[in-house]
Each structure stands twice: as C-alpha cells, then as structure tokens.
Amino acid sequence: MQDILSDTSLALTTAVPLTRHPAAVYLSTLGKGSRSTMRQSLNAIASMLSNGECDHLTLNWAALKYEHTVAVQGVLIERYEPATAQKMMCALRRVLREARKLRLIENEIYEAAVDLPPIKSTKNLRGRALSQDEIAALLEVCRDDPTTQGIRDAALIGILRGAGLRRAEVVKLKLSDFKPDTSALEVRGGKGGKDRTVYLPDGAISLVEDWLKVRGNEPGSLLCPIRKTGKIELRQMTPQAVLLIVQKRAQQAGVESFSPHDFRRTFCSDLLDAGIDIVTVQKLAGHASPVTTAKYDRRGEDVKRRAVQKLGF
C-alpha cells in the first residue's frame, strides 16, 4: 500500500486546460467557502498519492484506479475523524465523476474506483448546545470589558446566538443589512450562494444598537476589526477572527470549550424546544433540507421524557 501511495507516475506530464481538468471543473461548481475546504482536501490526497510531489492541479486524477482509492480511504480513516474522512472521500469521488464526464476515465475503471465500503461514523454527535447560563456568562464578560472590543463582541455573540448564522455569514453582514425596525438581518451569499432573511430577538437588537453607537453609521461591514489602540477599521472581519473571539470570551467566562457553530446548534435546538416547526427552523438556519436541521438538535433525553408525558391514558 505504501508503494501505491508514493506513485510519482501519477503526476501530470503536460499542462491541462482548466476546462478539461477534473479537479478544477469540480471546484468551480462549489461555493466560495466549500471550494477552499475541498481544495485543501484534494491537495492532501494528491500529496498522499505522490509522496508530496503533487497538488490538486498537478496530479493526474484520471489515472487513479481502485487500488489507489481504497488505499487513500484506508489512510484517511487512520488519520482523521470519520466525518473528515467522509468529506475528503466525497471530494475524491466528485473529481473522478468529473473525469468520467470529461471522458478521461473509462466507465468500468470509474465504477470500480468509487465502489468502496462506507466509512462508519461515530455515534456521538458533533458539537453541543450552550445553556442559558453559559450564554449569560459570555455576555457578562463582554459587558465587563470596558474597551470597544467588549461592546463589539457582545453584538457578535448576540447575532450568533440570536440568528444562528455561520461564521462566514456573520462577517459578510453590512450595516445596511441590519433592519432594527423589523428585527431583520439580510444574509447575502450564504452557503450555496443563497440569500435569506433572518430575525433577531429584542435582546440581540439592543446589543447591536449599542455597538453601532460606537461604530457609527458609516456604510460598510456591520462588525469590524478593532486595533489595539481602539481604532475601529470599517472593513470585513475574517471567520478566523470570529473563532478567536469566541474562544477568548469562553476562556474568560469559564465556559466549557465550544465552537462558533455551536451557537447554530443552540439556535436550532432552542427553537425546536420552543415548539417551532422544523420547516420554519430550517428556513431560518438556511438549510437545504429539514433532515439537516434535525441533525442540529441537541436537546437531549429530557425532551423525549417530557414528550411521552403528553400521552393520555
């Protein structure tokens, strides 16, 4: 297997137009956020197959056969969590599918290469829902911070918790996307390039309005970077900055480690717990299917226990 994963003959010998390159064609079908993630996956697989000599553009994907794909999957299972290995194998399959559509690989070879056993997922769900006490603690440390960062971070947490946005969505928000009169936030270019309207609860609106008192009403990004000097820069934050802010405030508040995406899980779980129908929650979260929304439910056993008490005898 090691010889298969160090096959330097898999490198392209001549340049291929991007319109005929299966990896390039596949990546062009993805949204910006997904494109970056899947490009990294393909680069890792290409490096694995060529002993570090190739990336996603220099590997000859059309030369892959079953012995390559089964070896790659075996290594991915050893190195990564099941969900990550599944995602990376999905990228590999999609590239091979494009190679077949471009008539770069014979159908019989393609069918064998993608005919692999499924990667078994862990039974434990990823992420968690935050409690009301934890959310209150996070906001408290922001309010106790006398700097401008404290006011901004409280607004950020208010939006993440109150609207359930993804990191990549919250940093794209513009001042003009905030409509306090109707409680609305206009989310533009969400996952899959889709726009949607979400709504903030009154408490979150107050946090955003407090931030705008110091940010000002100049056009530009709703949430902005702040220099150490306290100067607000009217430009877009990065998703990585959101992660670092959340980690910092969690540590200060003594809250168990969580990710920004857990605010999204909390958002979905709390709405479902409040009796909101799953289709409405799906639309607010920007999910393509209620099936995806259901996977965000982290309400635990107590919900099931309370549900059966409604049965009459």
C-alpha atoms as a PDB file:
ATOM      1  CA  MET A   1       0.000   0.000   0.000  1.00  0.00           C
ATOM      2  CA  GLN A   2       2.867   2.384   0.731  1.00  0.00           C
ATOM      3  CA  ASP A   3       4.102   1.939  -2.869  1.00  0.00           C
ATOM      4  CA  ILE A   4       0.643   2.839  -4.155  1.00  0.00           C
ATOM      5  CA  LEU A   5       0.630   5.992  -2.025  1.00  0.00           C
ATOM      6  CA  SER A   6       4.040   7.061  -3.345  1.00  0.00           C
ATOM      7  CA  ASP A   7       3.390   6.748  -7.070  1.00  0.00           C
ATOM      8  CA  THR A   8       5.268   9.589  -8.746  1.00  0.00           C
ATOM      9  CA  SER A   9       3.979   8.402 -12.126  1.00  0.00           C
ATOM     10  CA  LEU A  10       0.626   9.943 -11.224  1.00  0.00           C
ATOM     11  CA  ALA A  11       1.980  13.420 -11.848  1.00  0.00           C
ATOM     12  CA  LEU A  12       0.751  15.205 -14.965  1.00  0.00           C
ATOM     13  CA  THR A  13       3.443  15.472 -17.610  1.00  0.00           C
ATOM     14  CA  THR A  14       1.802  18.268 -19.588  1.00  0.00           C
ATOM     15  CA  ALA A  15      -0.385  21.198 -18.633  1.00  0.00           C
ATOM     16  CA  VAL A  16      -4.123  20.597 -18.896  1.00  0.00           C
ATOM     17  CA  PRO A  17      -6.631  23.389 -19.626  1.00  0.00           C
ATOM     18  CA  LEU A  18      -8.750  24.087 -16.561  1.00  0.00           C
ATOM     19  CA  THR A  19     -11.876  23.316 -18.584  1.00  0.00           C
ATOM     20  CA  ARG A  20     -10.512  19.777 -19.088  1.00  0.00           C
ATOM     21  CA  HIS A  21      -9.065  19.350 -15.603  1.00  0.00           C
ATOM     22  CA  PRO A  22     -11.434  17.239 -13.441  1.00  0.00           C
ATOM     23  CA  ALA A  23     -10.359  18.775 -10.122  1.00  0.00           C
ATOM     24  CA  ALA A  24     -10.634  22.326 -11.466  1.00  0.00           C
ATOM     25  CA  VAL A  25     -14.039  21.601 -13.001  1.00  0.00           C
ATOM     26  CA  TYR A  26     -15.308  20.100  -9.731  1.00  0.00           C
ATOM     27  CA  LEU A  27     -14.080  23.013  -7.598  1.00  0.00           C
ATOM     28  CA  SER A  28     -15.681  25.505  -9.986  1.00  0.00           C
ATOM     29  CA  THR A  29     -19.101  24.051  -9.130  1.00  0.00           C
ATOM     30  CA  LEU A  30     -18.726  24.858  -5.420  1.00  0.00           C
ATOM     31  CA  GLY A  31     -19.441  27.979  -3.417  1.00  0.00           C
ATOM     32  CA  LYS A  32     -16.505  30.050  -2.205  1.00  0.00           C
ATOM     33  CA  GLY A  33     -16.432  28.614   1.320  1.00  0.00           C
ATOM     34  CA  SER A  34     -16.802  24.990   0.240  1.00  0.00           C
ATOM     35  CA  ARG A  35     -14.272  25.471  -2.562  1.00  0.00           C
ATOM     36  CA  SER A  36     -11.490  26.343  -0.117  1.00  0.00           C
ATOM     37  CA  THR A  37     -12.272  23.372   2.131  1.00  0.00           C
ATOM     38  CA  MET A  38     -12.444  20.848  -0.696  1.00  0.00           C
ATOM     39  CA  ARG A  39      -9.319  22.238  -2.361  1.00  0.00           C
ATOM     40  CA  GLN A  40      -7.435  21.535   0.865  1.00  0.00           C
ATOM     41  CA  SER A  41      -8.831  18.004   0.901  1.00  0.00           C
ATOM     42  CA  LEU A  42      -7.758  17.367  -2.684  1.00  0.00           C
ATOM     43  CA  ASN A  43      -4.303  18.803  -2.035  1.00  0.00           C
ATOM     44  CA  ALA A  44      -3.889  16.432   0.915  1.00  0.00           C
ATOM     45  CA  ILE A  45      -4.969  13.436  -1.170  1.00  0.00           C
ATOM     46  CA  ALA A  46      -2.752  14.447  -4.103  1.00  0.00           C
ATOM     47  CA  SER A  47       0.234  14.807  -1.794  1.00  0.00           C
ATOM     48  CA  MET A  48      -0.534  11.428  -0.237  1.00  0.00           C
ATOM     49  CA  LEU A  49      -0.646   9.739  -3.655  1.00  0.00           C
ATOM     50  CA  SER A  50       2.571  11.299  -4.940  1.00  0.00           C
ATOM     51  CA  ASN A  51       4.848  11.309  -1.921  1.00  0.00           C
ATOM     52  CA  GLY A  52       4.358  15.045  -1.522  1.00  0.00           C
ATOM     53  CA  GLU A  53       5.162  15.963  -5.117  1.00  0.00           C
ATOM     54  CA  CYS A  54       1.692  16.886  -6.426  1.00  0.00           C
ATOM     55  CA  ASP A  55      -1.203  19.123  -5.525  1.00  0.00           C
ATOM     56  CA  HIS A  56      -4.760  19.107  -6.842  1.00  0.00           C
ATOM     57  CA  LEU A  57      -3.735  20.691 -10.146  1.00  0.00           C
ATOM     58  CA  THR A  58      -0.635  18.622 -10.895  1.00  0.00           C
ATOM     59  CA  LEU A  59      -1.949  15.139 -10.068  1.00  0.00           C
ATOM     60  CA  ASN A  60      -3.365  13.087 -12.942  1.00  0.00           C
ATOM     61  CA  TRP A  61      -6.690  12.196 -11.347  1.00  0.00           C
ATOM     62  CA  ALA A  62      -7.820  10.304 -14.430  1.00  0.00           C
ATOM     63  CA  ALA A  63      -5.051   7.749 -13.823  1.00  0.00           C
ATOM     64  CA  LEU A  64      -6.484   6.656 -10.482  1.00  0.00           C
ATOM     65  CA  LYS A  65      -7.827   3.143 -10.110  1.00  0.00           C
ATOM     66  CA  TYR A  66      -9.436   1.101  -7.361  1.00  0.00           C
ATOM     67  CA  GLU A  67      -6.089   0.246  -5.770  1.00  0.00           C
ATOM     68  CA  HIS A  68      -5.412   3.966  -5.309  1.00  0.00           C
ATOM     69  CA  THR A  69      -8.800   4.967  -3.929  1.00  0.00           C
ATOM     70  CA  VAL A  70      -9.064   2.074  -1.482  1.00  0.00           C
ATOM     71  CA  ALA A  71      -5.561   2.832  -0.188  1.00  0.00           C
ATOM     72  CA  VAL A  72      -6.415   6.523   0.222  1.00  0.00           C
ATOM     73  CA  GLN A  73      -9.574   5.715   2.147  1.00  0.00           C
ATOM     74  CA  GLY A  74      -7.664   3.400   4.452  1.00  0.00           C
ATOM     75  CA  VAL A  75      -5.140   6.090   5.318  1.00  0.00           C
ATOM     76  CA  LEU A  76      -7.821   8.739   5.802  1.00  0.00           C
ATOM     77  CA  ILE A  77      -9.676   6.505   8.246  1.00  0.00           C
ATOM     78  CA  GLU A  78      -6.461   6.111  10.258  1.00  0.00           C
ATOM     79  CA  ARG A  79      -5.552   9.800  10.258  1.00  0.00           C
ATOM     80  CA  TYR A  80      -8.864  11.644  10.558  1.00  0.00           C
ATOM     81  CA  GLU A  81     -12.194  11.622  12.316  1.00  0.00           C
ATOM     82  CA  PRO A  82     -14.896   9.761  10.351  1.00  0.00           C
ATOM     83  CA  ALA A  83     -16.694  12.959   9.293  1.00  0.00           C
ATOM     84  CA  THR A  84     -13.481  14.459   7.915  1.00  0.00           C
ATOM     85  CA  ALA A  85     -12.546  11.255   6.104  1.00  0.00           C
ATOM     86  CA  GLN A  86     -16.041  11.100   4.595  1.00  0.00           C
ATOM     87  CA  LYS A  87     -15.764  14.694   3.380  1.00  0.00           C
ATOM     88  CA  MET A  88     -12.369  14.077   1.790  1.00  0.00           C
ATOM     89  CA  MET A  89     -13.540  10.906   0.063  1.00  0.00           C
ATOM     90  CA  CYS A  90     -16.572  12.790  -1.200  1.00  0.00           C
ATOM     91  CA  ALA A  91     -14.219  15.271  -2.868  1.00  0.00           C
ATOM     92  CA  LEU A  92     -12.238  12.424  -4.431  1.00  0.00           C
ATOM     93  CA  ARG A  93     -15.377  10.756  -5.779  1.00  0.00           C
ATOM     94  CA  ARG A  94     -16.632  14.015  -7.228  1.00  0.00           C
ATOM     95  CA  VAL A  95     -13.345  14.597  -9.064  1.00  0.00           C
ATOM     96  CA  LEU A  96     -13.448  11.093 -10.513  1.00  0.00           C
ATOM     97  CA  ARG A  97     -17.034  11.705 -11.593  1.00  0.00           C
ATOM     98  CA  GLU A  98     -15.929  14.827 -13.464  1.00  0.00           C
ATOM     99  CA  ALA A  99     -13.112  12.816 -15.066  1.00  0.00           C
ATOM    100  CA  ARG A 100     -15.673  10.331 -16.318  1.00  0.00           C
ATOM    101  CA  LYS A 101     -17.951  13.092 -17.640  1.00  0.00           C
ATOM    102  CA  LEU A 102     -14.948  14.594 -19.429  1.00  0.00           C
ATOM    103  CA  ARG A 103     -14.276  11.141 -20.913  1.00  0.00           C
ATOM    104  CA  LEU A 104     -10.851  10.994 -19.305  1.00  0.00           C
ATOM    105  CA  ILE A 105     -11.551   7.726 -17.500  1.00  0.00           C
ATOM    106  CA  GLU A 106     -13.357   4.625 -18.677  1.00  0.00           C
ATOM    107  CA  ASN A 107     -16.672   3.865 -17.026  1.00  0.00           C
ATOM    108  CA  GLU A 108     -15.584   0.414 -15.790  1.00  0.00           C
ATOM    109  CA  ILE A 109     -12.481   1.845 -14.105  1.00  0.00           C
ATOM    110  CA  TYR A 110     -14.530   4.663 -12.577  1.00  0.00           C
ATOM    111  CA  GLU A 111     -17.168   2.307 -11.175  1.00  0.00           C
ATOM    112  CA  ALA A 112     -14.511   0.143  -9.540  1.00  0.00           C
ATOM    113  CA  ALA A 113     -12.634   3.150  -8.137  1.00  0.00           C
ATOM    114  CA  VAL A 114     -15.686   4.569  -6.349  1.00  0.00           C
ATOM    115  CA  ASP A 115     -17.096   1.208  -5.236  1.00  0.00           C
ATOM    116  CA  LEU A 116     -15.769   1.449  -1.675  1.00  0.00           C
ATOM    117  CA  PRO A 117     -17.295   0.448   1.664  1.00  0.00           C
ATOM    118  CA  PRO A 118     -18.868   3.339   3.582  1.00  0.00           C
ATOM    119  CA  ILE A 119     -16.872   4.968   6.338  1.00  0.00           C
ATOM    120  CA  LYS A 120     -18.593   4.274   9.624  1.00  0.00           C
ATOM    121  CA  SER A 121     -19.410   7.393  11.587  1.00  0.00           C
ATOM    122  CA  THR A 122     -19.069   7.750  15.311  1.00  0.00           C
ATOM    123  CA  LYS A 123     -22.363   7.505  17.164  1.00  0.00           C
ATOM    124  CA  ASN A 124     -21.597  10.612  19.200  1.00  0.00           C
ATOM    125  CA  LEU A 125     -22.990  13.803  17.677  1.00  0.00           C
ATOM    126  CA  ARG A 126     -20.551  16.613  16.986  1.00  0.00           C
ATOM    127  CA  GLY A 127     -20.794  19.831  18.928  1.00  0.00           C
ATOM    128  CA  ARG A 128     -23.217  20.786  21.661  1.00  0.00           C
ATOM    129  CA  ALA A 129     -25.865  23.279  22.649  1.00  0.00           C
ATOM    130  CA  LEU A 130     -24.997  26.041  25.097  1.00  0.00           C
ATOM    131  CA  SER A 131     -27.101  26.599  28.188  1.00  0.00           C
ATOM    132  CA  GLN A 132     -28.718  29.944  29.014  1.00  0.00           C
ATOM    133  CA  ASP A 133     -26.298  30.304  31.937  1.00  0.00           C
ATOM    134  CA  GLU A 134     -23.331  29.853  29.615  1.00  0.00           C
ATOM    135  CA  ILE A 135     -24.646  32.426  27.154  1.00  0.00           C
ATOM    136  CA  ALA A 136     -25.270  34.850  30.012  1.00  0.00           C
ATOM    137  CA  ALA A 137     -21.717  34.320  31.276  1.00  0.00           C
ATOM    138  CA  LEU A 138     -20.278  35.060  27.830  1.00  0.00           C
ATOM    139  CA  LEU A 139     -22.234  38.303  27.568  1.00  0.00           C
ATOM    140  CA  GLU A 140     -21.276  39.260  31.112  1.00  0.00           C
ATOM    141  CA  VAL A 141     -17.539  39.126  30.387  1.00  0.00           C
ATOM    142  CA  CYS A 142     -18.129  41.254  27.286  1.00  0.00           C
ATOM    143  CA  ARG A 143     -20.050  43.842  29.329  1.00  0.00           C
ATOM    144  CA  ASP A 144     -17.312  43.827  31.973  1.00  0.00           C
ATOM    145  CA  ASP A 145     -14.753  44.664  29.273  1.00  0.00           C
ATOM    146  CA  PRO A 146     -14.517  48.485  29.251  1.00  0.00           C
ATOM    147  CA  THR A 147     -12.960  48.570  25.773  1.00  0.00           C
ATOM    148  CA  THR A 148     -14.679  48.890  22.406  1.00  0.00           C
ATOM    149  CA  GLN A 149     -13.937  45.212  21.809  1.00  0.00           C
ATOM    150  CA  GLY A 150     -16.291  44.269  24.628  1.00  0.00           C
ATOM    151  CA  ILE A 151     -19.211  46.089  23.002  1.00  0.00           C
ATOM    152  CA  ARG A 152     -18.460  44.595  19.592  1.00  0.00           C
ATOM    153  CA  ASP A 153     -18.027  41.083  20.948  1.00  0.00           C
ATOM    154  CA  ALA A 154     -21.351  41.290  22.771  1.00  0.00           C
ATOM    155  CA  ALA A 155     -23.011  42.250  19.464  1.00  0.00           C
ATOM    156  CA  LEU A 156     -21.250  39.382  17.710  1.00  0.00           C
ATOM    157  CA  ILE A 157     -22.425  36.865  20.311  1.00  0.00           C
ATOM    158  CA  GLY A 158     -25.923  38.352  20.116  1.00  0.00           C
ATOM    159  CA  ILE A 159     -26.061  37.746  16.367  1.00  0.00           C
ATOM    160  CA  LEU A 160     -24.546  34.260  16.533  1.00  0.00           C
ATOM    161  CA  ARG A 161     -26.926  33.207  19.276  1.00  0.00           C
ATOM    162  CA  GLY A 162     -29.976  35.172  18.120  1.00  0.00           C
ATOM    163  CA  ALA A 163     -29.848  34.408  14.392  1.00  0.00           C
ATOM    164  CA  GLY A 164     -27.828  31.192  14.248  1.00  0.00           C
ATOM    165  CA  LEU A 165     -25.549  32.467  11.491  1.00  0.00           C
ATOM    166  CA  ARG A 166     -22.470  30.719  10.196  1.00  0.00           C
ATOM    167  CA  ARG A 167     -19.098  32.431  10.757  1.00  0.00           C
ATOM    168  CA  ALA A 168     -18.742  33.109   7.048  1.00  0.00           C
ATOM    169  CA  GLU A 169     -22.193  34.710   7.016  1.00  0.00           C
ATOM    170  CA  VAL A 170     -21.797  36.966  10.031  1.00  0.00           C
ATOM    171  CA  VAL A 171     -18.587  38.554   8.726  1.00  0.00           C
ATOM    172  CA  LYS A 172     -20.285  39.422   5.413  1.00  0.00           C
ATOM    173  CA  LEU A 173     -23.032  41.447   7.066  1.00  0.00           C
ATOM    174  CA  LYS A 174     -23.150  45.109   6.064  1.00  0.00           C
ATOM    175  CA  LEU A 175     -24.619  47.967   8.072  1.00  0.00           C
ATOM    176  CA  SER A 176     -27.425  48.185   5.504  1.00  0.00           C
ATOM    177  CA  ASP A 177     -28.319  44.524   6.173  1.00  0.00           C
ATOM    178  CA  PHE A 178     -29.432  45.374   9.719  1.00  0.00           C
ATOM    179  CA  LYS A 179     -33.100  46.467   9.878  1.00  0.00           C
ATOM    180  CA  PRO A 180     -33.899  47.221  13.540  1.00  0.00           C
ATOM    181  CA  ASP A 181     -37.443  48.404  12.754  1.00  0.00           C
ATOM    182  CA  THR A 182     -38.394  44.924  11.541  1.00  0.00           C
ATOM    183  CA  SER A 183     -35.795  42.959  13.593  1.00  0.00           C
ATOM    184  CA  ALA A 184     -34.400  41.670  10.284  1.00  0.00           C
ATOM    185  CA  LEU A 185     -30.926  40.773   9.097  1.00  0.00           C
ATOM    186  CA  GLU A 186     -30.386  40.237   5.385  1.00  0.00           C
ATOM    187  CA  VAL A 187     -27.938  37.365   4.894  1.00  0.00           C
ATOM    188  CA  ARG A 188     -26.311  37.584   1.474  1.00  0.00           C
ATOM    189  CA  GLY A 189     -24.260  34.888  -0.193  1.00  0.00           C
ATOM    190  CA  GLY A 190     -24.859  32.206   2.413  1.00  0.00           C
ATOM    191  CA  LYS A 191     -23.945  28.576   1.901  1.00  0.00           C
ATOM    192  CA  GLY A 192     -24.645  27.607  -1.682  1.00  0.00           C
ATOM    193  CA  GLY A 193     -24.703  31.289  -2.635  1.00  0.00           C
ATOM    194  CA  LYS A 194     -28.236  31.686  -1.254  1.00  0.00           C
ATOM    195  CA  ASP A 195     -29.665  34.848   0.313  1.00  0.00           C
ATOM    196  CA  ARG A 196     -32.186  34.754   3.160  1.00  0.00           C
ATOM    197  CA  THR A 197     -33.797  36.981   5.773  1.00  0.00           C
ATOM    198  CA  VAL A 198     -33.432  36.146   9.460  1.00  0.00           C
ATOM    199  CA  TYR A 199     -34.704  37.941  12.537  1.00  0.00           C
ATOM    200  CA  LEU A 200     -33.077  38.946  15.808  1.00  0.00           C
ATOM    201  CA  PRO A 201     -34.748  38.819  19.231  1.00  0.00           C
ATOM    202  CA  ASP A 202     -35.052  42.144  21.054  1.00  0.00           C
ATOM    203  CA  GLY A 203     -32.125  41.399  23.352  1.00  0.00           C
ATOM    204  CA  ALA A 204     -29.785  40.868  20.414  1.00  0.00           C
ATOM    205  CA  ILE A 205     -31.033  44.023  18.684  1.00  0.00           C
ATOM    206  CA  SER A 206     -30.099  46.045  21.776  1.00  0.00           C
ATOM    207  CA  LEU A 207     -26.579  44.607  21.713  1.00  0.00           C
ATOM    208  CA  VAL A 208     -26.144  45.514  18.045  1.00  0.00           C
ATOM    209  CA  GLU A 209     -27.509  49.024  18.607  1.00  0.00           C
ATOM    210  CA  ASP A 210     -25.042  49.533  21.493  1.00  0.00           C
ATOM    211  CA  TRP A 211     -22.251  48.575  19.089  1.00  0.00           C
ATOM    212  CA  LEU A 212     -23.494  50.983  16.427  1.00  0.00           C
ATOM    213  CA  LYS A 213     -23.301  53.859  18.916  1.00  0.00           C
ATOM    214  CA  VAL A 214     -19.511  53.452  18.936  1.00  0.00           C
ATOM    215  CA  ARG A 215     -19.110  52.164  15.376  1.00  0.00           C
ATOM    216  CA  GLY A 216     -21.071  54.968  13.787  1.00  0.00           C
ATOM    217  CA  ASN A 217     -23.380  54.936  10.789  1.00  0.00           C
ATOM    218  CA  GLU A 218     -20.806  54.923   8.005  1.00  0.00           C
ATOM    219  CA  PRO A 219     -21.509  52.349   5.261  1.00  0.00           C
ATOM    220  CA  GLY A 220     -19.508  49.150   5.377  1.00  0.00           C
ATOM    221  CA  SER A 221     -19.229  45.984   7.419  1.00  0.00           C
ATOM    222  CA  LEU A 222     -21.589  45.671  10.368  1.00  0.00           C
ATOM    223  CA  LEU A 223     -18.937  44.048  12.571  1.00  0.00           C
ATOM    224  CA  CYS A 224     -15.407  45.368  12.164  1.00  0.00           C
ATOM    225  CA  PRO A 225     -11.849  44.704  13.330  1.00  0.00           C
ATOM    226  CA  ILE A 226     -10.556  46.931  16.142  1.00  0.00           C
ATOM    227  CA  ARG A 227      -6.908  47.828  16.542  1.00  0.00           C
ATOM    228  CA  LYS A 228      -5.138  47.631  19.886  1.00  0.00           C
ATOM    229  CA  THR A 229      -5.341  51.419  20.007  1.00  0.00           C
ATOM    230  CA  GLY A 230      -9.124  51.141  19.939  1.00  0.00           C
ATOM    231  CA  LYS A 231      -9.488  52.435  16.395  1.00  0.00           C
ATOM    232  CA  ILE A 232     -12.342  50.794  14.503  1.00  0.00           C
ATOM    233  CA  GLU A 233     -11.480  49.757  10.956  1.00  0.00           C
ATOM    234  CA  LEU A 234     -14.525  49.781   8.670  1.00  0.00           C
ATOM    235  CA  ARG A 235     -13.670  46.589   6.851  1.00  0.00           C
ATOM    236  CA  GLN A 236     -14.748  42.954   6.980  1.00  0.00           C
ATOM    237  CA  MET A 237     -13.605  40.652   9.757  1.00  0.00           C
ATOM    238  CA  THR A 238     -12.416  37.137   8.955  1.00  0.00           C
ATOM    239  CA  PRO A 239     -14.136  33.889  10.013  1.00  0.00           C
ATOM    240  CA  GLN A 240     -10.935  33.022  11.890  1.00  0.00           C
ATOM    241  CA  ALA A 241     -11.265  36.238  13.918  1.00  0.00           C
ATOM    242  CA  VAL A 242     -14.761  35.155  14.972  1.00  0.00           C
ATOM    243  CA  LEU A 243     -13.367  31.828  16.187  1.00  0.00           C
ATOM    244  CA  LEU A 244     -10.626  33.545  18.202  1.00  0.00           C
ATOM    245  CA  ILE A 245     -13.080  35.992  19.783  1.00  0.00           C
ATOM    246  CA  VAL A 246     -15.411  33.187  20.852  1.00  0.00           C
ATOM    247  CA  GLN A 247     -12.516  31.154  22.268  1.00  0.00           C
ATOM    248  CA  LYS A 248     -11.223  34.185  24.186  1.00  0.00           C
ATOM    249  CA  ARG A 249     -14.592  35.015  25.726  1.00  0.00           C
ATOM    250  CA  ALA A 250     -15.262  31.361  26.597  1.00  0.00           C
ATOM    251  CA  GLN A 251     -11.977  31.159  28.477  1.00  0.00           C
ATOM    252  CA  GLN A 252     -12.688  34.414  30.334  1.00  0.00           C
ATOM    253  CA  ALA A 253     -16.185  33.246  31.266  1.00  0.00           C
ATOM    254  CA  GLY A 254     -15.081  29.791  32.365  1.00  0.00           C
ATOM    255  CA  VAL A 255     -17.359  28.187  29.793  1.00  0.00           C
ATOM    256  CA  GLU A 256     -16.526  24.706  28.550  1.00  0.00           C
ATOM    257  CA  SER A 257     -14.872  24.714  25.127  1.00  0.00           C
ATOM    258  CA  PHE A 258     -17.228  25.151  22.183  1.00  0.00           C
ATOM    259  CA  SER A 259     -17.116  26.360  18.595  1.00  0.00           C
ATOM    260  CA  PRO A 260     -18.958  29.289  16.940  1.00  0.00           C
ATOM    261  CA  HIS A 261     -21.017  26.676  15.096  1.00  0.00           C
ATOM    262  CA  ASP A 262     -22.374  25.515  18.449  1.00  0.00           C
ATOM    263  CA  PHE A 263     -24.318  28.778  18.608  1.00  0.00           C
ATOM    264  CA  ARG A 264     -26.060  27.493  15.477  1.00  0.00           C
ATOM    265  CA  ARG A 265     -26.815  24.165  17.135  1.00  0.00           C
ATOM    266  CA  THR A 266     -28.126  26.058  20.154  1.00  0.00           C
ATOM    267  CA  PHE A 267     -30.285  28.258  17.919  1.00  0.00           C
ATOM    268  CA  CYS A 268     -31.915  25.264  16.218  1.00  0.00           C
ATOM    269  CA  SER A 269     -32.306  23.273  19.433  1.00  0.00           C
ATOM    270  CA  ASP A 270     -33.894  26.142  21.365  1.00  0.00           C
ATOM    271  CA  LEU A 271     -36.378  26.952  18.595  1.00  0.00           C
ATOM    272  CA  LEU A 272     -37.407  23.303  18.303  1.00  0.00           C
ATOM    273  CA  ASP A 273     -37.731  23.115  22.076  1.00  0.00           C
ATOM    274  CA  ALA A 274     -39.980  26.175  21.964  1.00  0.00           C
ATOM    275  CA  GLY A 275     -42.343  24.280  19.658  1.00  0.00           C
ATOM    276  CA  ILE A 276     -41.382  25.988  16.404  1.00  0.00           C
ATOM    277  CA  ASP A 277     -41.982  23.653  13.471  1.00  0.00           C
ATOM    278  CA  ILE A 278     -38.887  22.196  11.854  1.00  0.00           C
ATOM    279  CA  VAL A 279     -39.580  23.698   8.413  1.00  0.00           C
ATOM    280  CA  THR A 280     -39.524  27.235   9.859  1.00  0.00           C
ATOM    281  CA  VAL A 281     -36.306  26.457  11.735  1.00  0.00           C
ATOM    282  CA  GLN A 282     -34.853  25.061   8.511  1.00  0.00           C
ATOM    283  CA  LYS A 283     -35.613  28.297   6.652  1.00  0.00           C
ATOM    284  CA  LEU A 284     -34.139  30.466   9.400  1.00  0.00           C
ATOM    285  CA  ALA A 285     -30.989  28.340   9.529  1.00  0.00           C
ATOM    286  CA  GLY A 286     -30.610  28.320   5.750  1.00  0.00           C
ATOM    287  CA  HIS A 287     -30.578  24.532   5.493  1.00  0.00           C
ATOM    288  CA  ALA A 288     -31.442  22.854   2.208  1.00  0.00           C
ATOM    289  CA  SER A 289     -33.481  20.175   3.966  1.00  0.00           C
ATOM    290  CA  PRO A 290     -35.236  19.628   7.319  1.00  0.00           C
ATOM    291  CA  VAL A 291     -33.119  16.481   7.579  1.00  0.00           C
ATOM    292  CA  THR A 292     -30.048  18.684   8.043  1.00  0.00           C
ATOM    293  CA  THR A 293     -31.869  20.791  10.646  1.00  0.00           C
ATOM    294  CA  ALA A 294     -32.750  17.668  12.612  1.00  0.00           C
ATOM    295  CA  LYS A 295     -29.047  16.849  12.898  1.00  0.00           C
ATOM    296  CA  TYR A 296     -28.558  20.125  14.787  1.00  0.00           C
ATOM    297  CA  ASP A 297     -30.957  19.106  17.531  1.00  0.00           C
ATOM    298  CA  ARG A 298     -29.011  18.799  20.803  1.00  0.00           C
ATOM    299  CA  ARG A 299     -31.915  18.855  23.260  1.00  0.00           C
ATOM    300  CA  GLY A 300     -31.027  15.592  24.979  1.00  0.00           C
ATOM    301  CA  GLU A 301     -33.106  12.957  26.763  1.00  0.00           C
ATOM    302  CA  ASP A 302     -35.257  15.327  28.812  1.00  0.00           C
ATOM    303  CA  VAL A 303     -37.168  16.399  25.699  1.00  0.00           C
ATOM    304  CA  LYS A 304     -38.124  12.815  24.923  1.00  0.00           C
ATOM    305  CA  ARG A 305     -39.076  12.255  28.547  1.00  0.00           C
ATOM    306  CA  ARG A 306     -41.380  15.301  28.554  1.00  0.00           C
ATOM    307  CA  ALA A 307     -42.846  14.323  25.174  1.00  0.00           C
ATOM    308  CA  VAL A 308     -44.194  10.974  26.326  1.00  0.00           C
ATOM    309  CA  GLN A 309     -45.847  12.603  29.356  1.00  0.00           C
ATOM    310  CA  LYS A 310     -48.279  14.227  26.921  1.00  0.00           C
ATOM    311  CA  LEU A 311     -49.728  10.820  26.056  1.00  0.00           C
ATOM    312  CA  GLY A 312     -53.092  10.177  27.681  1.00  0.00           C
ATOM    313  CA  PHE A 313     -54.281   7.015  29.455  1.00  0.00           C
END
